[in-house]
Amino acid sequence: MKLRYEGDPIAKGWPRLGKHGVYNEQAALANRVSVEYFYQMREKGYIMLPDAPLEFKATFGMPIPGSCYRTRRDSVDGEWCPKNKDVDNIAKFFLDTLNKVAYSDDRLVSRLVCEKVYSLTPYVDIEITELWPKNKPLPSCWGAEGLLRNPRPGDPGYKEVA
């Protein structure tokens, strides 16, 4: 599944304490981004991925700083971006945004590959793939619904410890 967000990559924000209580300034922005991804998935015919180990690859195209000379902007396009926001906070925002849209929970992501580069037009490219082969059955500890869990009474091979 390949998705693209046109705009500045957004770093994960934390709830703030204000004069009138706790507020989260990113809630509306996260909702807008998740709706955009939902419509992209619907257009491309993607469905929510099953509960299996996932790989999350992301490329964050960061805006080139205004201090960079105009003549040098083209040569900077595509180079690594060591400044701006932390790559892990940007990844957290987009992992949380795709919860209940592309997958049931971001804890299913077992491999995370991210890179941050300069770009003339800021963007976020995301590719999500299943790590578990489709023709191979999930391990018994994953359970019928695909989620990793401990054996319960009634499960095949369940033994009660005295």
N, C-alpha and C. Protein backbone atom coordinates (compact mmCIF):
# COMPACT_ATOMS: atom_id res chain seq x y z
N MET A 1 0.85 -1.16 0.00
CA MET A 1 0.00 0.00 0.00
C MET A 1 0.90 1.23 0.00
N LYS A 2 0.73 2.11 -0.99
CA LYS A 2 1.53 3.33 -1.09
C LYS A 2 0.61 4.54 -0.95
N LEU A 3 1.00 5.45 -0.06
CA LEU A 3 0.22 6.66 0.19
C LEU A 3 1.14 7.87 0.14
N ARG A 4 0.57 9.03 -0.21
CA ARG A 4 1.36 10.27 -0.30
C ARG A 4 0.58 11.42 0.32
N TYR A 5 1.28 12.21 1.12
CA TYR A 5 0.72 13.42 1.72
C TYR A 5 1.51 14.60 1.20
N GLU A 6 0.84 15.54 0.55
CA GLU A 6 1.48 16.74 0.04
C GLU A 6 1.41 17.82 1.11
N GLY A 7 2.54 18.20 1.64
CA GLY A 7 2.59 19.22 2.67
C GLY A 7 3.76 18.97 3.59
N ASP A 8 4.00 19.90 4.51
CA ASP A 8 5.11 19.78 5.45
C ASP A 8 4.93 18.54 6.33
N PRO A 9 5.98 17.74 6.50
CA PRO A 9 5.91 16.65 7.47
C PRO A 9 5.68 17.21 8.87
N ILE A 10 4.81 16.57 9.62
CA ILE A 10 4.38 17.08 10.92
C ILE A 10 4.99 16.20 12.01
N ALA A 11 5.59 16.83 13.00
CA ALA A 11 6.14 16.07 14.13
C ALA A 11 5.06 15.88 15.19
N LYS A 12 5.16 14.79 15.93
CA LYS A 12 4.20 14.48 16.99
C LYS A 12 4.24 15.57 18.06
N GLY A 13 3.10 16.13 18.36
CA GLY A 13 3.00 17.13 19.41
C GLY A 13 2.46 16.49 20.68
N TRP A 14 2.67 17.13 21.78
CA TRP A 14 2.22 16.60 23.06
C TRP A 14 1.16 17.52 23.63
N PRO A 15 0.23 16.98 24.41
CA PRO A 15 -0.79 17.84 25.02
C PRO A 15 -0.14 18.93 25.86
N ARG A 16 -0.72 20.13 25.79
CA ARG A 16 -0.20 21.28 26.53
C ARG A 16 -1.16 21.66 27.64
N LEU A 17 -0.60 22.26 28.66
CA LEU A 17 -1.41 22.74 29.77
C LEU A 17 -1.58 24.24 29.59
N GLY A 18 -2.82 24.66 29.40
CA GLY A 18 -3.11 26.08 29.21
C GLY A 18 -3.89 26.65 30.36
N LYS A 19 -4.32 27.87 30.18
CA LYS A 19 -5.06 28.57 31.22
C LYS A 19 -6.40 27.89 31.50
N HIS A 20 -6.99 27.28 30.46
CA HIS A 20 -8.31 26.67 30.60
C HIS A 20 -8.25 25.15 30.60
N GLY A 21 -7.11 24.57 30.93
CA GLY A 21 -6.99 23.12 31.02
C GLY A 21 -6.03 22.56 29.97
N VAL A 22 -6.09 21.26 29.79
CA VAL A 22 -5.21 20.57 28.85
C VAL A 22 -5.83 20.62 27.45
N TYR A 23 -4.99 20.91 26.45
CA TYR A 23 -5.49 20.91 25.08
C TYR A 23 -4.44 20.28 24.17
N ASN A 24 -4.92 19.72 23.05
CA ASN A 24 -4.05 19.09 22.06
C ASN A 24 -4.23 19.86 20.76
N GLU A 25 -3.23 20.65 20.41
CA GLU A 25 -3.35 21.48 19.22
C GLU A 25 -3.25 20.70 17.92
N GLN A 26 -2.83 19.44 17.97
CA GLN A 26 -2.68 18.65 16.75
C GLN A 26 -3.85 17.74 16.45
N ALA A 27 -4.84 17.71 17.29
CA ALA A 27 -5.95 16.77 17.10
C ALA A 27 -6.67 17.03 15.77
N ALA A 28 -6.95 18.28 15.46
CA ALA A 28 -7.66 18.60 14.22
C ALA A 28 -6.79 18.30 13.00
N LEU A 29 -5.50 18.59 13.11
CA LEU A 29 -4.58 18.33 12.01
C LEU A 29 -4.44 16.83 11.75
N ALA A 30 -4.34 16.05 12.81
CA ALA A 30 -4.24 14.59 12.67
C ALA A 30 -5.50 14.03 12.03
N ASN A 31 -6.65 14.56 12.41
CA ASN A 31 -7.92 14.11 11.84
C ASN A 31 -7.96 14.42 10.34
N ARG A 32 -7.51 15.62 9.94
CA ARG A 32 -7.52 16.00 8.53
C ARG A 32 -6.61 15.09 7.71
N VAL A 33 -5.42 14.78 8.24
CA VAL A 33 -4.48 13.92 7.52
C VAL A 33 -5.03 12.50 7.41
N SER A 34 -5.64 11.97 8.48
CA SER A 34 -6.17 10.61 8.41
C SER A 34 -7.34 10.52 7.43
N VAL A 35 -8.15 11.55 7.34
CA VAL A 35 -9.25 11.57 6.37
C VAL A 35 -8.69 11.59 4.95
N GLU A 36 -7.63 12.37 4.73
CA GLU A 36 -7.00 12.42 3.42
C GLU A 36 -6.45 11.05 3.02
N TYR A 37 -5.79 10.36 3.96
CA TYR A 37 -5.29 9.02 3.69
C TYR A 37 -6.45 8.05 3.44
N PHE A 38 -7.54 8.18 4.17
CA PHE A 38 -8.70 7.31 3.98
C PHE A 38 -9.23 7.44 2.55
N TYR A 39 -9.35 8.67 2.06
CA TYR A 39 -9.86 8.87 0.70
C TYR A 39 -8.87 8.36 -0.35
N GLN A 40 -7.58 8.50 -0.10
CA GLN A 40 -6.58 7.93 -1.02
C GLN A 40 -6.72 6.42 -1.09
N MET A 41 -6.89 5.79 0.06
CA MET A 41 -7.04 4.33 0.10
C MET A 41 -8.29 3.90 -0.66
N ARG A 42 -9.38 4.65 -0.48
CA ARG A 42 -10.63 4.31 -1.16
C ARG A 42 -10.49 4.46 -2.67
N GLU A 43 -9.83 5.52 -3.12
CA GLU A 43 -9.62 5.74 -4.56
C GLU A 43 -8.78 4.62 -5.18
N LYS A 44 -7.75 4.17 -4.47
CA LYS A 44 -6.84 3.16 -5.00
C LYS A 44 -7.34 1.74 -4.77
N GLY A 45 -8.45 1.58 -4.05
CA GLY A 45 -9.00 0.25 -3.81
C GLY A 45 -8.32 -0.50 -2.69
N TYR A 46 -7.58 0.20 -1.83
CA TYR A 46 -6.93 -0.45 -0.69
C TYR A 46 -7.94 -0.71 0.41
N ILE A 47 -7.72 -1.77 1.15
CA ILE A 47 -8.52 -2.04 2.33
C ILE A 47 -7.59 -2.07 3.54
N MET A 48 -8.16 -2.05 4.74
CA MET A 48 -7.35 -2.08 5.95
C MET A 48 -6.56 -3.38 5.98
N LEU A 49 -5.27 -3.28 6.30
CA LEU A 49 -4.41 -4.45 6.33
C LEU A 49 -4.80 -5.38 7.47
N PRO A 50 -4.61 -6.69 7.29
CA PRO A 50 -4.98 -7.63 8.36
C PRO A 50 -4.02 -7.51 9.54
N ASP A 51 -4.42 -8.09 10.66
CA ASP A 51 -3.60 -8.06 11.86
C ASP A 51 -2.44 -9.05 11.70
N ALA A 52 -1.35 -8.57 11.16
CA ALA A 52 -0.14 -9.37 10.95
C ALA A 52 1.04 -8.39 11.05
N PRO A 53 2.26 -8.89 11.21
CA PRO A 53 3.41 -7.99 11.28
C PRO A 53 3.52 -7.14 10.02
N LEU A 54 3.80 -5.85 10.20
CA LEU A 54 3.84 -4.90 9.09
C LEU A 54 5.19 -4.21 9.01
N GLU A 55 5.52 -3.77 7.80
CA GLU A 55 6.70 -2.93 7.58
C GLU A 55 6.20 -1.55 7.16
N PHE A 56 6.74 -0.51 7.78
CA PHE A 56 6.33 0.88 7.53
C PHE A 56 7.55 1.62 7.00
N LYS A 57 7.53 1.97 5.70
CA LYS A 57 8.62 2.74 5.10
C LYS A 57 8.10 4.15 4.83
N ALA A 58 8.87 5.15 5.24
CA ALA A 58 8.43 6.53 5.04
C ALA A 58 9.60 7.38 4.57
N THR A 59 9.32 8.28 3.64
CA THR A 59 10.27 9.28 3.19
C THR A 59 9.64 10.63 3.46
N PHE A 60 10.33 11.45 4.24
CA PHE A 60 9.83 12.77 4.60
C PHE A 60 10.60 13.81 3.79
N GLY A 61 9.93 14.48 2.87
CA GLY A 61 10.54 15.55 2.08
C GLY A 61 10.38 16.86 2.84
N MET A 62 11.47 17.31 3.45
CA MET A 62 11.43 18.52 4.28
C MET A 62 11.65 19.76 3.42
N PRO A 63 11.01 20.88 3.78
CA PRO A 63 11.22 22.11 3.01
C PRO A 63 12.66 22.60 3.14
N ILE A 64 13.19 23.15 2.06
CA ILE A 64 14.54 23.70 2.07
C ILE A 64 14.50 25.02 2.83
N PRO A 65 15.43 25.26 3.76
CA PRO A 65 15.38 26.49 4.55
C PRO A 65 15.48 27.73 3.67
N GLY A 66 14.86 28.80 4.12
CA GLY A 66 14.90 30.06 3.39
C GLY A 66 16.28 30.66 3.33
N SER A 67 17.16 30.27 4.26
CA SER A 67 18.52 30.81 4.28
C SER A 67 19.38 30.24 3.16
N CYS A 68 18.90 29.20 2.49
CA CYS A 68 19.65 28.57 1.40
C CYS A 68 19.54 29.46 0.15
N TYR A 69 20.66 29.75 -0.49
CA TYR A 69 20.66 30.60 -1.68
C TYR A 69 19.80 30.00 -2.77
N ARG A 70 19.14 30.85 -3.55
CA ARG A 70 18.27 30.35 -4.63
C ARG A 70 19.04 29.55 -5.66
N THR A 71 20.26 29.96 -5.93
CA THR A 71 21.06 29.25 -6.93
C THR A 71 21.44 27.85 -6.45
N ARG A 72 21.44 27.63 -5.14
CA ARG A 72 21.85 26.35 -4.57
C ARG A 72 20.67 25.43 -4.27
N ARG A 73 19.44 25.93 -4.34
CA ARG A 73 18.25 25.16 -3.96
C ARG A 73 18.12 23.86 -4.76
N ASP A 74 18.36 23.91 -6.07
CA ASP A 74 18.21 22.71 -6.89
C ASP A 74 19.23 21.64 -6.52
N SER A 75 20.42 22.05 -6.13
CA SER A 75 21.45 21.06 -5.78
C SER A 75 21.18 20.44 -4.41
N VAL A 76 20.42 21.11 -3.55
CA VAL A 76 20.11 20.59 -2.22
C VAL A 76 18.95 19.60 -2.28
N ASP A 77 18.09 19.71 -3.30
CA ASP A 77 16.92 18.85 -3.43
C ASP A 77 17.33 17.37 -3.45
N GLY A 78 16.80 16.58 -2.50
CA GLY A 78 17.09 15.15 -2.42
C GLY A 78 18.22 14.78 -1.48
N GLU A 79 18.93 15.79 -0.95
CA GLU A 79 20.01 15.50 -0.01
C GLU A 79 19.44 15.23 1.37
N TRP A 80 20.23 14.54 2.22
CA TRP A 80 19.80 14.24 3.59
C TRP A 80 19.56 15.53 4.35
N CYS A 81 18.57 15.50 5.23
CA CYS A 81 18.20 16.67 6.02
C CYS A 81 18.53 16.41 7.49
N PRO A 82 19.67 16.92 7.97
CA PRO A 82 20.05 16.66 9.36
C PRO A 82 19.38 17.60 10.36
N LYS A 83 18.69 18.61 9.88
CA LYS A 83 18.10 19.61 10.79
C LYS A 83 16.59 19.45 10.82
N ASN A 84 15.92 20.47 11.30
CA ASN A 84 14.46 20.51 11.43
C ASN A 84 13.98 19.57 12.54
N LYS A 85 12.91 18.85 12.28
CA LYS A 85 12.26 18.02 13.29
C LYS A 85 12.93 16.65 13.41
N ASP A 86 12.77 16.02 14.57
CA ASP A 86 13.31 14.66 14.77
C ASP A 86 12.51 13.68 13.92
N VAL A 87 13.21 12.78 13.26
CA VAL A 87 12.55 11.82 12.37
C VAL A 87 11.63 10.89 13.16
N ASP A 88 11.98 10.55 14.40
CA ASP A 88 11.13 9.64 15.17
C ASP A 88 9.81 10.31 15.56
N ASN A 89 9.81 11.61 15.83
CA ASN A 89 8.56 12.30 16.15
C ASN A 89 7.67 12.45 14.92
N ILE A 90 8.28 12.64 13.74
CA ILE A 90 7.47 12.71 12.51
C ILE A 90 6.85 11.34 12.25
N ALA A 91 7.65 10.28 12.41
CA ALA A 91 7.14 8.92 12.19
C ALA A 91 6.01 8.61 13.16
N LYS A 92 6.15 9.01 14.43
CA LYS A 92 5.09 8.76 15.43
C LYS A 92 3.77 9.39 15.01
N PHE A 93 3.84 10.63 14.51
CA PHE A 93 2.62 11.32 14.09
C PHE A 93 1.91 10.54 13.00
N PHE A 94 2.66 10.11 11.98
CA PHE A 94 2.01 9.41 10.87
C PHE A 94 1.62 7.98 11.22
N LEU A 95 2.35 7.32 12.12
CA LEU A 95 1.93 6.01 12.60
C LEU A 95 0.59 6.12 13.34
N ASP A 96 0.48 7.12 14.22
CA ASP A 96 -0.76 7.32 14.98
C ASP A 96 -1.90 7.76 14.07
N THR A 97 -1.60 8.55 13.05
CA THR A 97 -2.63 9.04 12.14
C THR A 97 -3.25 7.90 11.34
N LEU A 98 -2.45 6.89 11.00
CA LEU A 98 -2.96 5.78 10.19
C LEU A 98 -3.62 4.68 11.02
N ASN A 99 -3.65 4.84 12.36
CA ASN A 99 -4.38 3.90 13.22
C ASN A 99 -5.85 3.88 12.81
N LYS A 100 -6.42 2.71 12.72
CA LYS A 100 -7.82 2.50 12.36
C LYS A 100 -8.15 2.94 10.93
N VAL A 101 -7.12 3.33 10.16
CA VAL A 101 -7.32 3.69 8.75
C VAL A 101 -6.65 2.64 7.87
N ALA A 102 -5.34 2.45 8.03
CA ALA A 102 -4.61 1.48 7.23
C ALA A 102 -4.39 0.17 7.97
N TYR A 103 -4.37 0.22 9.30
CA TYR A 103 -4.20 -0.97 10.13
C TYR A 103 -4.94 -0.76 11.44
N SER A 104 -5.19 -1.86 12.16
CA SER A 104 -6.00 -1.75 13.37
C SER A 104 -5.27 -1.07 14.52
N ASP A 105 -3.93 -1.26 14.59
CA ASP A 105 -3.16 -0.63 15.67
C ASP A 105 -1.71 -0.53 15.23
N ASP A 106 -1.03 0.55 15.62
CA ASP A 106 0.35 0.74 15.18
C ASP A 106 1.33 -0.19 15.89
N ARG A 107 0.88 -0.95 16.86
CA ARG A 107 1.76 -1.93 17.50
C ARG A 107 2.07 -3.09 16.56
N LEU A 108 1.31 -3.23 15.47
CA LEU A 108 1.56 -4.27 14.48
C LEU A 108 2.80 -3.99 13.63
N VAL A 109 3.27 -2.73 13.64
CA VAL A 109 4.44 -2.37 12.86
C VAL A 109 5.68 -2.97 13.52
N SER A 110 6.32 -3.91 12.81
CA SER A 110 7.49 -4.60 13.34
C SER A 110 8.78 -4.06 12.76
N ARG A 111 8.70 -3.45 11.59
CA ARG A 111 9.89 -2.87 10.96
C ARG A 111 9.54 -1.45 10.53
N LEU A 112 10.40 -0.51 10.95
CA LEU A 112 10.19 0.91 10.66
C LEU A 112 11.41 1.45 9.95
N VAL A 113 11.24 1.93 8.71
CA VAL A 113 12.34 2.48 7.93
C VAL A 113 11.94 3.89 7.52
N CYS A 114 12.70 4.89 7.99
CA CYS A 114 12.36 6.28 7.70
C CYS A 114 13.60 7.03 7.21
N GLU A 115 13.37 7.99 6.32
CA GLU A 115 14.44 8.87 5.89
C GLU A 115 13.89 10.28 5.72
N LYS A 116 14.76 11.24 5.96
CA LYS A 116 14.39 12.66 5.92
C LYS A 116 15.31 13.34 4.92
N VAL A 117 14.74 13.89 3.84
CA VAL A 117 15.53 14.55 2.79
C VAL A 117 14.95 15.93 2.52
N TYR A 118 15.79 16.81 1.95
CA TYR A 118 15.30 18.12 1.53
C TYR A 118 14.52 17.98 0.23
N SER A 119 13.49 18.81 0.07
CA SER A 119 12.67 18.76 -1.13
C SER A 119 12.17 20.16 -1.47
N LEU A 120 12.08 20.46 -2.77
CA LEU A 120 11.54 21.75 -3.19
C LEU A 120 10.06 21.85 -2.83
N THR A 121 9.33 20.73 -2.93
CA THR A 121 7.93 20.69 -2.50
C THR A 121 7.82 19.65 -1.38
N PRO A 122 7.48 20.06 -0.16
CA PRO A 122 7.41 19.13 0.97
C PRO A 122 6.36 18.04 0.74
N TYR A 123 6.66 16.83 1.21
CA TYR A 123 5.76 15.69 1.04
C TYR A 123 6.08 14.62 2.08
N VAL A 124 5.20 13.62 2.15
CA VAL A 124 5.43 12.42 2.94
C VAL A 124 4.99 11.24 2.09
N ASP A 125 5.91 10.34 1.77
CA ASP A 125 5.60 9.10 1.06
C ASP A 125 5.63 7.96 2.06
N ILE A 126 4.57 7.16 2.07
CA ILE A 126 4.48 6.04 3.00
C ILE A 126 4.16 4.77 2.22
N GLU A 127 4.87 3.71 2.56
CA GLU A 127 4.60 2.40 1.97
C GLU A 127 4.48 1.40 3.12
N ILE A 128 3.35 0.71 3.17
CA ILE A 128 3.10 -0.27 4.23
C ILE A 128 2.93 -1.63 3.57
N THR A 129 3.70 -2.62 4.04
CA THR A 129 3.60 -3.97 3.49
C THR A 129 3.53 -4.98 4.63
N GLU A 130 2.94 -6.12 4.32
CA GLU A 130 2.88 -7.21 5.29
C GLU A 130 4.22 -7.94 5.29
N LEU A 131 4.70 -8.28 6.47
CA LEU A 131 5.94 -9.04 6.58
C LEU A 131 5.70 -10.54 6.55
N TRP A 132 4.50 -10.96 6.95
CA TRP A 132 4.18 -12.38 7.01
C TRP A 132 3.71 -12.86 5.65
N PRO A 133 4.30 -13.93 5.10
CA PRO A 133 3.86 -14.42 3.79
C PRO A 133 2.39 -14.86 3.83
N LYS A 134 1.65 -14.55 2.78
CA LYS A 134 0.22 -14.85 2.74
C LYS A 134 -0.07 -16.35 2.76
N ASN A 135 0.83 -17.17 2.21
CA ASN A 135 0.57 -18.60 2.14
C ASN A 135 1.02 -19.35 3.39
N LYS A 136 1.60 -18.65 4.36
CA LYS A 136 2.08 -19.30 5.58
C LYS A 136 1.12 -18.97 6.73
N PRO A 137 0.66 -19.97 7.48
CA PRO A 137 -0.27 -19.68 8.58
C PRO A 137 0.42 -18.93 9.71
N LEU A 138 -0.35 -18.11 10.41
CA LEU A 138 0.18 -17.38 11.56
C LEU A 138 0.47 -18.35 12.69
N PRO A 139 1.45 -18.04 13.56
CA PRO A 139 1.72 -18.92 14.69
C PRO A 139 0.50 -19.04 15.61
N SER A 140 0.40 -20.15 16.33
CA SER A 140 -0.77 -20.39 17.16
C SER A 140 -0.95 -19.34 18.24
N CYS A 141 0.15 -18.72 18.69
CA CYS A 141 0.02 -17.71 19.75
C CYS A 141 -0.65 -16.44 19.26
N TRP A 142 -0.85 -16.30 17.93
CA TRP A 142 -1.52 -15.10 17.40
C TRP A 142 -3.03 -15.21 17.55
N GLY A 143 -3.56 -16.38 17.69
CA GLY A 143 -4.99 -16.53 17.89
C GLY A 143 -5.77 -16.38 16.60
N ALA A 144 -7.08 -16.64 16.69
CA ALA A 144 -7.94 -16.63 15.51
C ALA A 144 -8.04 -15.23 14.91
N GLU A 145 -8.08 -14.20 15.75
CA GLU A 145 -8.24 -12.85 15.23
C GLU A 145 -6.92 -12.25 14.78
N GLY A 146 -5.82 -12.98 14.91
CA GLY A 146 -4.54 -12.52 14.41
C GLY A 146 -3.71 -11.75 15.43
N LEU A 147 -4.25 -11.49 16.59
CA LEU A 147 -3.53 -10.70 17.58
C LEU A 147 -2.72 -11.60 18.50
N LEU A 148 -1.53 -11.17 18.85
CA LEU A 148 -0.68 -11.94 19.74
C LEU A 148 -1.30 -11.94 21.13
N ARG A 149 -1.48 -13.13 21.68
CA ARG A 149 -2.10 -13.23 23.00
C ARG A 149 -1.66 -14.51 23.67
N ASN A 150 -1.93 -14.61 24.95
CA ASN A 150 -1.65 -15.81 25.71
C ASN A 150 -2.75 -16.83 25.48
N PRO A 151 -2.43 -18.15 25.55
CA PRO A 151 -3.47 -19.17 25.38
C PRO A 151 -4.54 -19.05 26.46
N ARG A 152 -5.77 -19.38 26.08
CA ARG A 152 -6.90 -19.31 26.99
C ARG A 152 -7.56 -20.67 27.09
N PRO A 153 -8.36 -20.90 28.16
CA PRO A 153 -9.09 -22.17 28.25
C PRO A 153 -9.96 -22.35 27.01
N GLY A 154 -9.95 -23.54 26.46
CA GLY A 154 -10.71 -23.81 25.25
C GLY A 154 -9.84 -23.79 24.00
N ASP A 155 -8.65 -23.17 24.07
CA ASP A 155 -7.74 -23.17 22.93
C ASP A 155 -7.13 -24.56 22.78
N PRO A 156 -6.84 -24.97 21.52
CA PRO A 156 -6.19 -26.27 21.34
C PRO A 156 -4.83 -26.27 22.02
N GLY A 157 -4.53 -27.31 22.78
CA GLY A 157 -3.24 -27.43 23.44
C GLY A 157 -3.12 -26.64 24.73
N TYR A 158 -4.24 -26.05 25.21
CA TYR A 158 -4.19 -25.27 26.47
C TYR A 158 -4.06 -26.24 27.64
N LYS A 159 -3.11 -25.94 28.53
CA LYS A 159 -2.92 -26.76 29.73
C LYS A 159 -3.00 -25.83 30.92
N GLU A 160 -3.83 -26.21 31.87
CA GLU A 160 -3.97 -25.41 33.09
C GLU A 160 -2.88 -25.78 34.07
N VAL A 161 -2.19 -24.76 34.56
CA VAL A 161 -1.10 -24.98 35.51
C VAL A 161 -1.66 -24.87 36.92
N ALA A 162 -1.38 -25.87 37.74
CA ALA A 162 -1.93 -25.90 39.09
C ALA A 162 -1.13 -25.05 40.04
